[in-house]
Amino acid sequence: MTVLLDTDVAIEILRERNLIISSKWSELVASGAVVGYSPVIAAEVWAGALPHEHRLISIFFRPLI
């Protein structure tokens, strides 16, 4: 399966405040699905990032295509 990540979902995953979204993300990653994102999504996430979040965001995007 291949999925395209949405900005709102990416932000919620990074915030880790919604247990349902976090659980579904874990299931998706464990399933071996290919997760992609667009340059617009990356730009939107980075635009709202605080300096202490940079490392987490880099790690988050690294395995995605």
PDB file of N, CA and C in Angstrom:
ATOM      1  N   MET A   1       0.840  -1.170   0.000  1.00  0.00           N
ATOM      2  CA  MET A   1       0.000   0.000   0.000  1.00  0.00           C
ATOM      3  C   MET A   1       0.891   1.242   0.000  1.00  0.00           C
ATOM      4  N   THR A   2       0.452   2.248  -0.724  1.00  0.00           N
ATOM      5  CA  THR A   2       1.142   3.535  -0.742  1.00  0.00           C
ATOM      6  C   THR A   2       0.158   4.614  -0.300  1.00  0.00           C
ATOM      7  N   VAL A   3       0.589   5.459   0.602  1.00  0.00           N
ATOM      8  CA  VAL A   3      -0.272   6.547   1.082  1.00  0.00           C
ATOM      9  C   VAL A   3       0.485   7.863   1.012  1.00  0.00           C
ATOM     10  N   LEU A   4      -0.269   8.942   0.846  1.00  0.00           N
ATOM     11  CA  LEU A   4       0.303  10.284   0.836  1.00  0.00           C
ATOM     12  C   LEU A   4      -0.106  10.970   2.134  1.00  0.00           C
ATOM     13  N   LEU A   5       0.860  11.421   2.855  1.00  0.00           N
ATOM     14  CA  LEU A   5       0.636  12.069   4.142  1.00  0.00           C
ATOM     15  C   LEU A   5       0.062  13.462   3.959  1.00  0.00           C
ATOM     16  N   ASP A   6      -0.868  13.825   4.806  1.00  0.00           N
ATOM     17  CA  ASP A   6      -1.473  15.150   4.821  1.00  0.00           C
ATOM     18  C   ASP A   6      -0.789  15.985   5.898  1.00  0.00           C
ATOM     19  N   THR A   7      -0.708  17.290   5.696  1.00  0.00           N
ATOM     20  CA  THR A   7      -0.049  18.174   6.656  1.00  0.00           C
ATOM     21  C   THR A   7      -0.665  18.080   8.048  1.00  0.00           C
ATOM     22  N   ASP A   8      -1.980  18.136   8.123  1.00  0.00           N
ATOM     23  CA  ASP A   8      -2.638  18.082   9.432  1.00  0.00           C
ATOM     24  C   ASP A   8      -2.333  16.781  10.164  1.00  0.00           C
ATOM     25  N   VAL A   9      -2.307  15.686   9.428  1.00  0.00           N
ATOM     26  CA  VAL A   9      -1.997  14.394  10.040  1.00  0.00           C
ATOM     27  C   VAL A   9      -0.547  14.363  10.490  1.00  0.00           C
ATOM     28  N   ALA A  10       0.361  14.853   9.657  1.00  0.00           N
ATOM     29  CA  ALA A  10       1.784  14.883  10.032  1.00  0.00           C
ATOM     30  C   ALA A  10       1.989  15.668  11.321  1.00  0.00           C
ATOM     31  N   ILE A  11       1.331  16.803  11.421  1.00  0.00           N
ATOM     32  CA  ILE A  11       1.470  17.629  12.627  1.00  0.00           C
ATOM     33  C   ILE A  11       0.925  16.898  13.851  1.00  0.00           C
ATOM     34  N   GLU A  12      -0.206  16.237  13.705  1.00  0.00           N
ATOM     35  CA  GLU A  12      -0.773  15.492  14.836  1.00  0.00           C
ATOM     36  C   GLU A  12       0.123  14.323  15.241  1.00  0.00           C
ATOM     37  N   ILE A  13       0.723  13.660  14.261  1.00  0.00           N
ATOM     38  CA  ILE A  13       1.644  12.562  14.578  1.00  0.00           C
ATOM     39  C   ILE A  13       2.837  13.112  15.361  1.00  0.00           C
ATOM     40  N   LEU A  14       3.380  14.220  14.905  1.00  0.00           N
ATOM     41  CA  LEU A  14       4.539  14.809  15.579  1.00  0.00           C
ATOM     42  C   LEU A  14       4.198  15.311  16.978  1.00  0.00           C
ATOM     43  N   ARG A  15       3.007  15.807  17.176  1.00  0.00           N
ATOM     44  CA  ARG A  15       2.603  16.305  18.498  1.00  0.00           C
ATOM     45  C   ARG A  15       2.349  15.176  19.493  1.00  0.00           C
ATOM     46  N   GLU A  16       1.974  14.014  18.995  1.00  0.00           N
ATOM     47  CA  GLU A  16       1.707  12.832  19.824  1.00  0.00           C
ATOM     48  C   GLU A  16       0.658  13.093  20.905  1.00  0.00           C
ATOM     49  N   ARG A  17      -0.349  13.894  20.599  1.00  0.00           N
ATOM     50  CA  ARG A  17      -1.389  14.186  21.582  1.00  0.00           C
ATOM     51  C   ARG A  17      -2.657  13.374  21.351  1.00  0.00           C
ATOM     52  N   ASN A  18      -2.830  12.852  20.142  1.00  0.00           N
ATOM     53  CA  ASN A  18      -4.030  12.102  19.799  1.00  0.00           C
ATOM     54  C   ASN A  18      -3.688  10.618  19.746  1.00  0.00           C
ATOM     55  N   LEU A  19      -4.169   9.868  20.718  1.00  0.00           N
ATOM     56  CA  LEU A  19      -3.826   8.449  20.811  1.00  0.00           C
ATOM     57  C   LEU A  19      -4.339   7.645  19.628  1.00  0.00           C
ATOM     58  N   ILE A  20      -5.481   8.016  19.091  1.00  0.00           N
ATOM     59  CA  ILE A  20      -6.032   7.284  17.944  1.00  0.00           C
ATOM     60  C   ILE A  20      -5.136   7.475  16.728  1.00  0.00           C
ATOM     61  N   ILE A  21      -4.739   8.706  16.451  1.00  0.00           N
ATOM     62  CA  ILE A  21      -3.866   8.966  15.309  1.00  0.00           C
ATOM     63  C   ILE A  21      -2.510   8.304  15.511  1.00  0.00           C
ATOM     64  N   SER A  22      -1.966   8.388  16.704  1.00  0.00           N
ATOM     65  CA  SER A  22      -0.679   7.743  16.992  1.00  0.00           C
ATOM     66  C   SER A  22      -0.761   6.235  16.787  1.00  0.00           C
ATOM     67  N   SER A  23      -1.854   5.640  17.221  1.00  0.00           N
ATOM     68  CA  SER A  23      -2.049   4.198  17.073  1.00  0.00           C
ATOM     69  C   SER A  23      -2.163   3.813  15.598  1.00  0.00           C
ATOM     70  N   LYS A  24      -2.948   4.562  14.860  1.00  0.00           N
ATOM     71  CA  LYS A  24      -3.122   4.277  13.429  1.00  0.00           C
ATOM     72  C   LYS A  24      -1.799   4.470  12.677  1.00  0.00           C
ATOM     73  N   TRP A  25      -1.031   5.482  13.053  1.00  0.00           N
ATOM     74  CA  TRP A  25       0.281   5.710  12.432  1.00  0.00           C
ATOM     75  C   TRP A  25       1.204   4.513  12.694  1.00  0.00           C
ATOM     76  N   SER A  26       1.216   4.038  13.924  1.00  0.00           N
ATOM     77  CA  SER A  26       2.049   2.880  14.267  1.00  0.00           C
ATOM     78  C   SER A  26       1.639   1.662  13.458  1.00  0.00           C
ATOM     79  N   GLU A  27       0.335   1.445  13.313  1.00  0.00           N
ATOM     80  CA  GLU A  27      -0.160   0.319  12.511  1.00  0.00           C
ATOM     81  C   GLU A  27       0.265   0.461  11.051  1.00  0.00           C
ATOM     82  N   LEU A  28       0.160   1.680  10.524  1.00  0.00           N
ATOM     83  CA  LEU A  28       0.532   1.917   9.132  1.00  0.00           C
ATOM     84  C   LEU A  28       2.012   1.651   8.907  1.00  0.00           C
ATOM     85  N   VAL A  29       2.843   2.159   9.781  1.00  0.00           N
ATOM     86  CA  VAL A  29       4.289   1.954   9.663  1.00  0.00           C
ATOM     87  C   VAL A  29       4.632   0.469   9.786  1.00  0.00           C
ATOM     88  N   ALA A  30       4.006  -0.207  10.738  1.00  0.00           N
ATOM     89  CA  ALA A  30       4.268  -1.632  10.949  1.00  0.00           C
ATOM     90  C   ALA A  30       3.812  -2.484   9.763  1.00  0.00           C
ATOM     91  N   SER A  31       2.840  -1.994   9.010  1.00  0.00           N
ATOM     92  CA  SER A  31       2.311  -2.758   7.872  1.00  0.00           C
ATOM     93  C   SER A  31       3.270  -2.775   6.693  1.00  0.00           C
ATOM     94  N   GLY A  32       4.277  -1.915   6.738  1.00  0.00           N
ATOM     95  CA  GLY A  32       5.221  -1.849   5.631  1.00  0.00           C
ATOM     96  C   GLY A  32       4.750  -0.951   4.502  1.00  0.00           C
ATOM     97  N   ALA A  33       3.709  -0.180   4.740  1.00  0.00           N
ATOM     98  CA  ALA A  33       3.196   0.727   3.716  1.00  0.00           C
ATOM     99  C   ALA A  33       4.261   1.754   3.344  1.00  0.00           C
ATOM    100  N   VAL A  34       4.219   2.171   2.105  1.00  0.00           N
ATOM    101  CA  VAL A  34       5.095   3.236   1.632  1.00  0.00           C
ATOM    102  C   VAL A  34       4.368   4.551   1.908  1.00  0.00           C
ATOM    103  N   VAL A  35       4.997   5.422   2.666  1.00  0.00           N
ATOM    104  CA  VAL A  35       4.378   6.697   3.027  1.00  0.00           C
ATOM    105  C   VAL A  35       5.137   7.820   2.340  1.00  0.00           C
ATOM    106  N   GLY A  36       4.404   8.606   1.570  1.00  0.00           N
ATOM    107  CA  GLY A  36       5.013   9.713   0.864  1.00  0.00           C
ATOM    108  C   GLY A  36       4.497  11.045   1.369  1.00  0.00           C
ATOM    109  N   TYR A  37       5.204  12.085   1.003  1.00  0.00           N
ATOM    110  CA  TYR A  37       4.791  13.438   1.357  1.00  0.00           C
ATOM    111  C   TYR A  37       5.248  14.379   0.247  1.00  0.00           C
ATOM    112  N   SER A  38       4.575  15.499   0.137  1.00  0.00           N
ATOM    113  CA  SER A  38       4.934  16.464  -0.895  1.00  0.00           C
ATOM    114  C   SER A  38       5.841  17.545  -0.305  1.00  0.00           C
ATOM    115  N   PRO A  39       6.522  18.283  -1.157  1.00  0.00           N
ATOM    116  CA  PRO A  39       7.338  19.397  -0.663  1.00  0.00           C
ATOM    117  C   PRO A  39       6.499  20.434   0.096  1.00  0.00           C
ATOM    118  N   VAL A  40       5.242  20.571  -0.284  1.00  0.00           N
ATOM    119  CA  VAL A  40       4.363  21.524   0.399  1.00  0.00           C
ATOM    120  C   VAL A  40       4.141  21.094   1.845  1.00  0.00           C
ATOM    121  N   ILE A  41       3.934  19.801   2.060  1.00  0.00           N
ATOM    122  CA  ILE A  41       3.741  19.284   3.419  1.00  0.00           C
ATOM    123  C   ILE A  41       4.989  19.549   4.253  1.00  0.00           C
ATOM    124  N   ALA A  42       6.148  19.241   3.704  1.00  0.00           N
ATOM    125  CA  ALA A  42       7.393  19.475   4.439  1.00  0.00           C
ATOM    126  C   ALA A  42       7.551  20.964   4.759  1.00  0.00           C
ATOM    127  N   ALA A  43       7.260  21.819   3.794  1.00  0.00           N
ATOM    128  CA  ALA A  43       7.397  23.260   4.020  1.00  0.00           C
ATOM    129  C   ALA A  43       6.450  23.743   5.112  1.00  0.00           C
ATOM    130  N   GLU A  44       5.225  23.238   5.117  1.00  0.00           N
ATOM    131  CA  GLU A  44       4.261  23.664   6.129  1.00  0.00           C
ATOM    132  C   GLU A  44       4.671  23.197   7.522  1.00  0.00           C
ATOM    133  N   VAL A  45       5.149  21.969   7.615  1.00  0.00           N
ATOM    134  CA  VAL A  45       5.589  21.456   8.918  1.00  0.00           C
ATOM    135  C   VAL A  45       6.792  22.255   9.413  1.00  0.00           C
ATOM    136  N   TRP A  46       7.779  22.446   8.536  1.00  0.00           N
ATOM    137  CA  TRP A  46       8.980  23.179   8.946  1.00  0.00           C
ATOM    138  C   TRP A  46       8.685  24.641   9.265  1.00  0.00           C
ATOM    139  N   ALA A  47       7.722  25.235   8.576  1.00  0.00           N
ATOM    140  CA  ALA A  47       7.401  26.648   8.800  1.00  0.00           C
ATOM    141  C   ALA A  47       6.896  26.890  10.225  1.00  0.00           C
ATOM    142  N   GLY A  48       6.214  25.902  10.786  1.00  0.00           N
ATOM    143  CA  GLY A  48       5.680  26.068  12.133  1.00  0.00           C
ATOM    144  C   GLY A  48       6.541  25.460  13.220  1.00  0.00           C
ATOM    145  N   ALA A  49       7.706  24.970  12.853  1.00  0.00           N
ATOM    146  CA  ALA A  49       8.560  24.254  13.803  1.00  0.00           C
ATOM    147  C   ALA A  49       9.334  25.203  14.711  1.00  0.00           C
ATOM    148  N   LEU A  50       9.427  24.805  15.950  1.00  0.00           N
ATOM    149  CA  LEU A  50      10.269  25.504  16.912  1.00  0.00           C
ATOM    150  C   LEU A  50      11.654  24.860  16.899  1.00  0.00           C
ATOM    151  N   PRO A  51      12.684  25.592  17.274  1.00  0.00           N
ATOM    152  CA  PRO A  51      14.043  25.033  17.216  1.00  0.00           C
ATOM    153  C   PRO A  51      14.210  23.697  17.932  1.00  0.00           C
ATOM    154  N   HIS A  52      13.571  23.520  19.066  1.00  0.00           N
ATOM    155  CA  HIS A  52      13.737  22.250  19.790  1.00  0.00           C
ATOM    156  C   HIS A  52      13.012  21.083  19.112  1.00  0.00           C
ATOM    157  N   GLU A  53      12.212  21.355  18.075  1.00  0.00           N
ATOM    158  CA  GLU A  53      11.489  20.304  17.347  1.00  0.00           C
ATOM    159  C   GLU A  53      12.227  19.848  16.080  1.00  0.00           C
ATOM    160  N   HIS A  54      13.269  20.528  15.701  1.00  0.00           N
ATOM    161  CA  HIS A  54      13.949  20.251  14.433  1.00  0.00           C
ATOM    162  C   HIS A  54      14.471  18.825  14.331  1.00  0.00           C
ATOM    163  N   ARG A  55      15.062  18.332  15.380  1.00  0.00           N
ATOM    164  CA  ARG A  55      15.617  16.966  15.327  1.00  0.00           C
ATOM    165  C   ARG A  55      14.506  15.938  15.139  1.00  0.00           C
ATOM    166  N   LEU A  56      13.413  16.077  15.882  1.00  0.00           N
ATOM    167  CA  LEU A  56      12.284  15.153  15.774  1.00  0.00           C
ATOM    168  C   LEU A  56      11.693  15.177  14.367  1.00  0.00           C
ATOM    169  N   ILE A  57      11.545  16.356  13.797  1.00  0.00           N
ATOM    170  CA  ILE A  57      10.984  16.475  12.456  1.00  0.00           C
ATOM    171  C   ILE A  57      11.908  15.831  11.422  1.00  0.00           C
ATOM    172  N   SER A  58      13.194  16.046  11.560  1.00  0.00           N
ATOM    173  CA  SER A  58      14.156  15.416  10.641  1.00  0.00           C
ATOM    174  C   SER A  58      14.053  13.898  10.704  1.00  0.00           C
ATOM    175  N   ILE A  59      13.971  13.365  11.897  1.00  0.00           N
ATOM    176  CA  ILE A  59      13.852  11.920  12.077  1.00  0.00           C
ATOM    177  C   ILE A  59      12.542  11.413  11.495  1.00  0.00           C
ATOM    178  N   PHE A  60      11.473  12.173  11.689  1.00  0.00           N
ATOM    179  CA  PHE A  60      10.156  11.795  11.184  1.00  0.00           C
ATOM    180  C   PHE A  60      10.154  11.685   9.660  1.00  0.00           C
ATOM    181  N   PHE A  61      10.702  12.662   8.972  1.00  0.00           N
ATOM    182  CA  PHE A  61      10.663  12.674   7.501  1.00  0.00           C
ATOM    183  C   PHE A  61      11.667  11.716   6.859  1.00  0.00           C
ATOM    184  N   ARG A  62      12.711  11.351   7.547  1.00  0.00           N
ATOM    185  CA  ARG A  62      13.802  10.567   6.960  1.00  0.00           C
ATOM    186  C   ARG A  62      13.345   9.298   6.245  1.00  0.00           C
ATOM    187  N   PRO A  63      12.486   8.436   6.830  1.00  0.00           N
ATOM    188  CA  PRO A  63      12.122   7.203   6.129  1.00  0.00           C
ATOM    189  C   PRO A  63      11.014   7.374   5.077  1.00  0.00           C
ATOM    190  N   LEU A  64      10.418   8.546   5.020  1.00  0.00           N
ATOM    191  CA  LEU A  64       9.315   8.768   4.078  1.00  0.00           C
ATOM    192  C   LEU A  64       9.862   9.102   2.702  1.00  0.00           C
ATOM    193  N   ILE A  65       9.000   8.914   1.692  1.00  0.00           N
ATOM    194  CA  ILE A  65       9.441   9.243   0.326  1.00  0.00           C
ATOM    195  C   ILE A  65       8.693  10.452  -0.187  1.00  0.00           C
TER     196      ILE A  65
END
